[in-house]
Amino acid sequence: MLITEKINSNKIVKLVYTTFFTSIFGCFAQNDSIRNPYFKSYDDKITASVYYLDTSNSFQIASDNPETKMYVNLIPNRREQIGFNLNYKIIDVGFGFAPKFLSQNKGDSHSKHFNFNTRFYLKKWMQSFTYINQKGFYIKDDNITAQLPSMRTMKIGGSTAYVFNDKFSFKTLVSQNEWQTKSSGSFIPTFSFYYTNLDLNTPDSSPGDIYVFTLAPSYFYNFVISDRVLIGAGLALGAGLNLIDKDTSALYQADFNLKLAYNKDRFFAFATLNTISFAQDDKVDPRLNDHIVTLKISAGYRFDPPKKVKEVYDKVNDKIGL
């Protein structure tokens, strides 16, 4: 189904550099944060947190062939992770690893899951960058479960979002260096781009390149229950293009976000559920649908930045106007 030559290392490096540095320089083009009585900023603090994550980038092969209607799920062996997150000013960086001892992590010791996420915020703009590398999957359908220990996937991409309502804090939903103090919501259009290289690593298959471009209108709302507790939620429905080995088809996107958070000026804790689903048009046969599901539980602490870190940031800020 997926027939192409393997993407070479130079192409991967070039794609990473393009996405990453576009994110950085795009963010440098505007001033930093907005002061607003509807939310409280912790940009002057370093925010450090640890988290538990149940996440996976799974795929579904669907076929509506009249002779054989088939739905096969390709699920990574490594799902659960333990990680660390760090925020300061416009930078939000997280690292996660998937140790074998966690219960949902299946397969042998060769199975791997690594992800890297970062975000940049400038005024009403948010730019995200994601890198996911997985090895070791299993096939699951109604009749069979089988291991694919050598299967690999690599995903690079991100999204650009614009927040229309000045009273809504998008950072409250996706990070903890800001806190919504009065209930508010906003319309947020989002453009997403992802590249995925999928290789079953079996004798009768060859690797495939998948490109996804989507535009998804969305609405998010932070409901403030008390000074220290809120519930945030968001829904996005969009469409775009999917390119698999030079074949182009329509693509539909559905995202859902839910967050329950507790916050004090120093200590905070939260739980989030996020889903991103890309589904090809039903007329495409066979179809390869793409799902990213994340459950995250985190607790952290805010503290004043070391003097040297603040000096370096301020010097850079004076020179290029972050």
Protein backbone atom coordinates (compact mmCIF):
# COMPACT_ATOMS: atom_id res chain seq x y z
CA MET A 1 0.00 0.00 0.00
CA LEU A 2 2.86 2.34 0.85
CA ILE A 3 5.49 2.32 -1.89
CA THR A 4 8.35 4.83 -1.92
CA GLU A 5 12.06 5.03 -1.35
CA LYS A 6 13.30 5.59 2.18
CA ILE A 7 13.70 9.20 3.15
CA ASN A 8 17.41 9.93 3.53
CA SER A 9 19.00 11.44 6.62
CA ASN A 10 19.69 14.81 4.96
CA LYS A 11 16.01 15.23 4.16
CA ILE A 12 15.04 14.50 7.77
CA VAL A 13 17.60 16.95 9.16
CA LYS A 14 16.54 19.63 6.72
CA LEU A 15 12.87 19.17 7.63
CA VAL A 16 13.62 19.36 11.37
CA TYR A 17 15.69 22.52 10.93
CA THR A 18 13.07 24.18 8.74
CA THR A 19 10.20 23.52 11.15
CA PHE A 20 12.17 24.31 14.31
CA PHE A 21 13.82 27.54 13.18
CA THR A 22 10.69 28.80 11.45
CA SER A 23 8.99 28.47 14.82
CA ILE A 24 11.73 30.40 16.61
CA PHE A 25 12.17 33.24 14.15
CA GLY A 26 8.43 33.58 13.64
CA CYS A 27 8.09 34.13 17.36
CA PHE A 28 10.91 36.69 17.48
CA ALA A 29 8.96 38.92 15.13
CA GLN A 30 6.64 40.21 17.85
CA ASN A 31 6.75 41.36 21.46
CA ASP A 32 6.29 38.94 24.36
CA SER A 33 3.16 38.59 26.48
CA ILE A 34 -0.04 40.53 26.95
CA ARG A 35 -0.93 41.96 30.35
CA ASN A 36 -4.59 41.33 31.08
CA PRO A 37 -6.78 41.34 34.21
CA TYR A 38 -8.52 38.15 33.01
CA PHE A 39 -5.43 36.07 33.66
CA LYS A 40 -2.29 36.09 35.78
CA SER A 41 1.13 35.67 34.20
CA TYR A 42 4.03 33.74 35.71
CA ASP A 43 6.45 34.65 32.92
CA ASP A 44 8.94 35.97 35.45
CA LYS A 45 9.18 32.51 37.03
CA ILE A 46 10.76 29.27 35.92
CA THR A 47 8.09 26.57 35.93
CA ALA A 48 9.34 23.02 36.44
CA SER A 49 7.12 19.95 36.55
CA VAL A 50 7.17 16.17 36.40
CA TYR A 51 4.47 14.21 34.64
CA TYR A 52 3.00 10.84 33.86
CA LEU A 53 1.89 10.45 30.25
CA ASP A 54 -0.14 7.81 28.46
CA THR A 55 0.30 8.70 24.81
CA SER A 56 0.60 7.03 21.44
CA ASN A 57 0.60 7.79 17.74
CA SER A 58 -1.47 4.89 16.38
CA PHE A 59 -2.72 4.18 12.88
CA GLN A 60 -5.72 2.44 11.37
CA ILE A 61 -5.74 0.78 7.97
CA ALA A 62 -9.31 0.74 6.65
CA SER A 63 -10.58 -0.86 3.45
CA ASP A 64 -14.10 -0.90 2.02
CA ASN A 65 -13.31 -3.35 -0.73
CA PRO A 66 -16.62 -5.11 -1.62
CA GLU A 67 -14.99 -8.49 -1.14
CA THR A 68 -13.24 -7.76 2.16
CA LYS A 69 -14.13 -4.96 4.56
CA MET A 70 -11.12 -4.58 6.86
CA TYR A 71 -10.10 -2.42 9.81
CA VAL A 72 -6.65 -3.08 11.22
CA ASN A 73 -5.18 -1.05 14.09
CA LEU A 74 -1.43 -0.50 14.37
CA ILE A 75 -0.72 0.34 18.03
CA PRO A 76 2.74 1.15 19.48
CA ASN A 77 4.10 -1.13 22.19
CA ARG A 78 5.35 1.80 24.22
CA ARG A 79 2.61 4.16 25.47
CA GLU A 80 3.21 5.19 29.07
CA GLN A 81 5.89 7.73 29.82
CA ILE A 82 7.49 9.62 32.66
CA GLY A 83 8.81 13.04 31.80
CA PHE A 84 9.95 16.50 32.76
CA ASN A 85 8.74 19.91 31.57
CA LEU A 86 10.35 23.35 31.85
CA ASN A 87 8.89 26.81 31.08
CA TYR A 88 10.55 30.21 31.05
CA LYS A 89 9.27 33.29 29.23
CA ILE A 90 8.36 32.23 25.66
CA ILE A 91 10.01 28.80 25.86
CA ASP A 92 8.18 25.61 26.81
CA VAL A 93 10.20 22.38 26.50
CA GLY A 94 9.35 18.84 27.53
CA PHE A 95 11.12 15.46 27.35
CA GLY A 96 9.48 12.08 27.90
CA PHE A 97 10.67 8.46 27.99
CA ALA A 98 8.77 5.15 28.05
CA PRO A 99 10.32 2.65 30.49
CA LYS A 100 9.36 -1.01 30.14
CA PHE A 101 8.22 -1.42 33.77
CA LEU A 102 5.04 0.65 33.20
CA SER A 103 2.05 -1.65 32.70
CA GLN A 104 0.87 -0.43 29.27
CA ASN A 105 4.33 -0.76 27.72
CA LYS A 106 4.31 -4.01 25.76
CA GLY A 107 6.79 -5.84 23.56
CA ASP A 108 10.45 -6.68 24.07
CA SER A 109 13.30 -4.44 25.18
CA HIS A 110 13.86 -3.26 21.60
CA SER A 111 10.55 -1.37 21.57
CA LYS A 112 11.04 2.38 21.92
CA HIS A 113 9.06 5.58 22.22
CA PHE A 114 10.58 9.05 22.39
CA ASN A 115 8.88 12.41 21.99
CA PHE A 116 9.97 16.03 22.09
CA ASN A 117 7.56 18.96 22.28
CA THR A 118 8.12 22.69 22.45
CA ARG A 119 5.92 25.78 22.15
CA PHE A 120 6.53 29.48 21.63
CA TYR A 121 4.07 32.23 22.53
CA LEU A 122 3.99 35.77 21.17
CA LYS A 123 0.99 37.97 21.93
CA LYS A 124 -1.96 36.12 20.35
CA TRP A 125 0.15 33.58 18.47
CA MET A 126 1.16 30.09 19.54
CA GLN A 127 3.61 27.93 17.59
CA SER A 128 4.13 24.28 18.53
CA PHE A 129 6.72 21.76 17.33
CA THR A 130 6.47 17.98 17.81
CA TYR A 131 8.85 15.10 17.20
CA ILE A 132 7.76 11.48 17.85
CA ASN A 133 9.92 8.40 17.22
CA GLN A 134 8.43 4.93 17.81
CA LYS A 135 9.67 1.38 17.29
CA GLY A 136 7.70 -1.79 18.00
CA PHE A 137 3.97 -2.08 17.23
CA TYR A 138 1.28 -4.70 17.40
CA ILE A 139 -1.62 -5.36 15.02
CA LYS A 140 -5.07 -5.62 16.52
CA ASP A 141 -8.43 -6.32 14.91
CA ASP A 142 -11.52 -8.35 15.80
CA ASN A 143 -9.82 -11.68 15.19
CA ILE A 144 -6.09 -11.31 15.73
CA THR A 145 -3.37 -9.64 17.79
CA ALA A 146 0.17 -9.95 16.46
CA GLN A 147 3.48 -8.26 17.15
CA LEU A 148 5.41 -6.15 14.62
CA PRO A 149 8.62 -5.68 16.66
CA SER A 150 10.60 -4.02 13.85
CA MET A 151 7.95 -1.53 12.71
CA ARG A 152 9.06 2.10 13.02
CA THR A 153 7.36 5.48 12.69
CA MET A 154 8.82 8.96 12.85
CA LYS A 155 6.63 12.09 12.99
CA ILE A 156 7.76 15.74 12.69
CA GLY A 157 5.46 18.72 12.59
CA GLY A 158 3.55 21.32 14.48
CA SER A 159 0.74 23.84 14.46
CA THR A 160 0.26 27.60 14.34
CA ALA A 161 -2.70 29.02 16.28
CA TYR A 162 -4.17 32.53 16.66
CA VAL A 163 -6.26 33.53 19.70
CA PHE A 164 -8.93 36.12 18.84
CA ASN A 165 -10.15 36.98 22.35
CA ASP A 166 -7.72 39.03 24.48
CA LYS A 167 -9.53 37.84 27.62
CA PHE A 168 -8.82 34.16 26.98
CA SER A 169 -5.58 32.54 28.19
CA PHE A 170 -4.52 29.77 25.82
CA LYS A 171 -1.41 29.22 27.95
CA THR A 172 -3.62 28.13 30.85
CA LEU A 173 -4.75 25.17 28.76
CA VAL A 174 -1.39 24.07 27.35
CA SER A 175 1.12 25.15 30.01
CA GLN A 176 1.28 26.41 33.60
CA ASN A 177 3.05 29.77 33.29
CA GLU A 178 -0.29 31.56 33.10
CA TRP A 179 -3.59 31.22 34.98
CA GLN A 180 -7.10 32.26 33.91
CA THR A 181 -8.72 34.30 36.73
CA LYS A 182 -12.11 35.01 35.09
CA SER A 183 -14.03 32.60 32.85
CA SER A 184 -13.55 33.28 29.17
CA GLY A 185 -13.40 31.57 25.77
CA SER A 186 -12.12 32.23 22.28
CA PHE A 187 -12.34 31.21 18.65
CA ILE A 188 -8.90 29.86 17.65
CA PRO A 189 -8.12 28.84 14.06
CA THR A 190 -5.18 26.45 13.76
CA PHE A 191 -3.00 25.45 10.82
CA SER A 192 -1.20 22.11 11.21
CA PHE A 193 1.55 20.38 9.25
CA TYR A 194 2.92 16.89 9.98
CA TYR A 195 5.32 14.61 8.16
CA THR A 196 5.32 10.89 9.05
CA ASN A 197 7.64 8.17 7.84
CA LEU A 198 6.10 4.73 8.39
CA ASP A 199 8.07 1.53 7.85
CA LEU A 200 6.59 -1.90 8.63
CA ASN A 201 10.06 -3.46 8.18
CA THR A 202 8.61 -6.67 6.76
CA PRO A 203 9.87 -8.51 3.63
CA ASP A 204 6.78 -7.68 1.54
CA SER A 205 6.55 -3.97 2.41
CA SER A 206 8.46 -0.76 1.85
CA PRO A 207 8.48 2.51 3.86
CA GLY A 208 6.01 5.29 3.12
CA ASP A 209 6.03 9.07 3.43
CA ILE A 210 2.88 10.79 4.69
CA TYR A 211 2.29 14.57 4.62
CA VAL A 212 -0.66 16.21 6.33
CA PHE A 213 -1.81 19.84 5.91
CA THR A 214 -4.97 20.97 7.71
CA LEU A 215 -6.84 24.10 8.76
CA ALA A 216 -9.08 23.59 11.80
CA PRO A 217 -11.40 26.26 13.27
CA SER A 218 -11.76 25.64 17.02
CA TYR A 219 -13.34 27.04 20.16
CA PHE A 220 -11.80 26.87 23.64
CA TYR A 221 -13.20 27.91 27.01
CA ASN A 222 -11.73 28.16 30.51
CA PHE A 223 -14.39 27.85 33.21
CA VAL A 224 -13.05 29.27 36.49
CA ILE A 225 -14.65 27.39 39.39
CA SER A 226 -12.69 29.18 42.14
CA ASP A 227 -9.46 31.13 42.60
CA ARG A 228 -7.52 27.87 42.52
CA VAL A 229 -9.57 25.46 40.35
CA LEU A 230 -10.70 25.59 36.73
CA ILE A 231 -11.88 23.36 33.90
CA GLY A 232 -10.69 24.07 30.36
CA ALA A 233 -12.08 22.51 27.20
CA GLY A 234 -11.73 22.86 23.45
CA LEU A 235 -13.02 21.32 20.23
CA ALA A 236 -11.60 21.64 16.70
CA LEU A 237 -13.06 20.35 13.43
CA GLY A 238 -11.16 20.91 10.24
CA ALA A 239 -10.07 19.61 6.86
CA GLY A 240 -7.07 19.58 4.60
CA LEU A 241 -4.91 17.46 2.33
CA ASN A 242 -3.17 14.14 2.85
CA LEU A 243 -0.28 13.06 0.63
CA ILE A 244 0.83 9.41 0.75
CA ASP A 245 3.54 8.45 -1.70
CA LYS A 246 2.49 11.28 -4.08
CA ASP A 247 -1.21 10.31 -3.96
CA THR A 248 -3.34 13.23 -2.71
CA SER A 249 -6.69 12.90 -0.94
CA ALA A 250 -9.02 14.93 1.27
CA LEU A 251 -8.38 14.73 5.01
CA TYR A 252 -10.57 15.48 8.01
CA GLN A 253 -9.33 16.53 11.44
CA ALA A 254 -11.05 16.33 14.85
CA ASP A 255 -9.34 17.50 18.06
CA PHE A 256 -10.60 17.47 21.64
CA ASN A 257 -8.99 19.00 24.73
CA LEU A 258 -10.01 18.75 28.39
CA LYS A 259 -8.13 20.03 31.45
CA LEU A 260 -8.80 20.01 35.21
CA ALA A 261 -6.29 22.18 37.07
CA TYR A 262 -5.40 23.33 40.59
CA ASN A 263 -3.14 26.36 41.00
CA LYS A 264 -1.30 28.37 43.63
CA ASP A 265 1.45 30.90 42.95
CA ARG A 266 4.12 28.29 43.65
CA PHE A 267 2.55 24.81 43.49
CA PHE A 268 0.21 23.49 40.78
CA ALA A 269 -1.25 20.20 39.56
CA PHE A 270 -3.44 19.22 36.62
CA ALA A 271 -4.80 16.41 34.47
CA THR A 272 -5.39 16.75 30.73
CA LEU A 273 -6.87 14.64 27.94
CA ASN A 274 -6.00 15.56 24.34
CA THR A 275 -6.87 13.79 21.11
CA ILE A 276 -5.85 14.60 17.53
CA SER A 277 -7.40 12.48 14.78
CA PHE A 278 -6.77 12.62 11.03
CA ALA A 279 -9.06 10.55 8.80
CA GLN A 280 -8.82 10.19 5.04
CA ASP A 281 -11.84 10.59 2.80
CA ASP A 282 -14.07 7.48 2.64
CA LYS A 283 -13.56 7.29 -1.12
CA VAL A 284 -9.89 6.45 -0.63
CA ASP A 285 -9.34 2.69 -0.52
CA PRO A 286 -7.41 1.56 1.39
CA ARG A 287 -7.24 4.42 3.92
CA LEU A 288 -4.59 5.14 6.55
CA ASN A 289 -6.02 7.09 9.49
CA ASP A 290 -3.76 8.70 12.09
CA HIS A 291 -4.52 9.21 15.81
CA ILE A 292 -2.59 10.87 18.64
CA VAL A 293 -4.13 10.40 22.09
CA THR A 294 -2.60 11.83 25.26
CA LEU A 295 -3.53 11.56 28.93
CA LYS A 296 -1.25 13.63 31.15
CA ILE A 297 -1.08 14.02 34.93
CA SER A 298 1.40 16.57 36.22
CA ALA A 299 2.54 18.45 39.32
CA GLY A 300 5.10 21.21 39.53
CA TYR A 301 6.62 24.21 41.21
CA ARG A 302 7.45 27.79 40.18
CA PHE A 303 10.58 29.56 41.36
CA ASP A 304 12.62 32.67 40.59
CA PRO A 305 15.16 32.22 37.78
CA PRO A 306 18.86 32.15 38.67
CA LYS A 307 20.44 35.57 38.29
CA LYS A 308 22.66 34.41 35.41
CA VAL A 309 19.73 32.98 33.43
CA LYS A 310 17.77 36.22 33.82
CA GLU A 311 20.78 38.30 32.76
CA VAL A 312 21.30 36.25 29.60
CA TYR A 313 17.61 36.43 28.67
CA ASP A 314 17.46 40.20 29.30
CA LYS A 315 20.55 40.78 27.14
CA VAL A 316 19.02 38.80 24.26
CA ASN A 317 15.73 40.64 24.76
CA ASP A 318 17.48 44.04 24.59
CA LYS A 319 19.23 43.12 21.35
CA ILE A 320 16.45 41.51 19.34
CA GLY A 321 13.28 42.59 21.18
CA LEU A 322 11.69 39.29 22.20
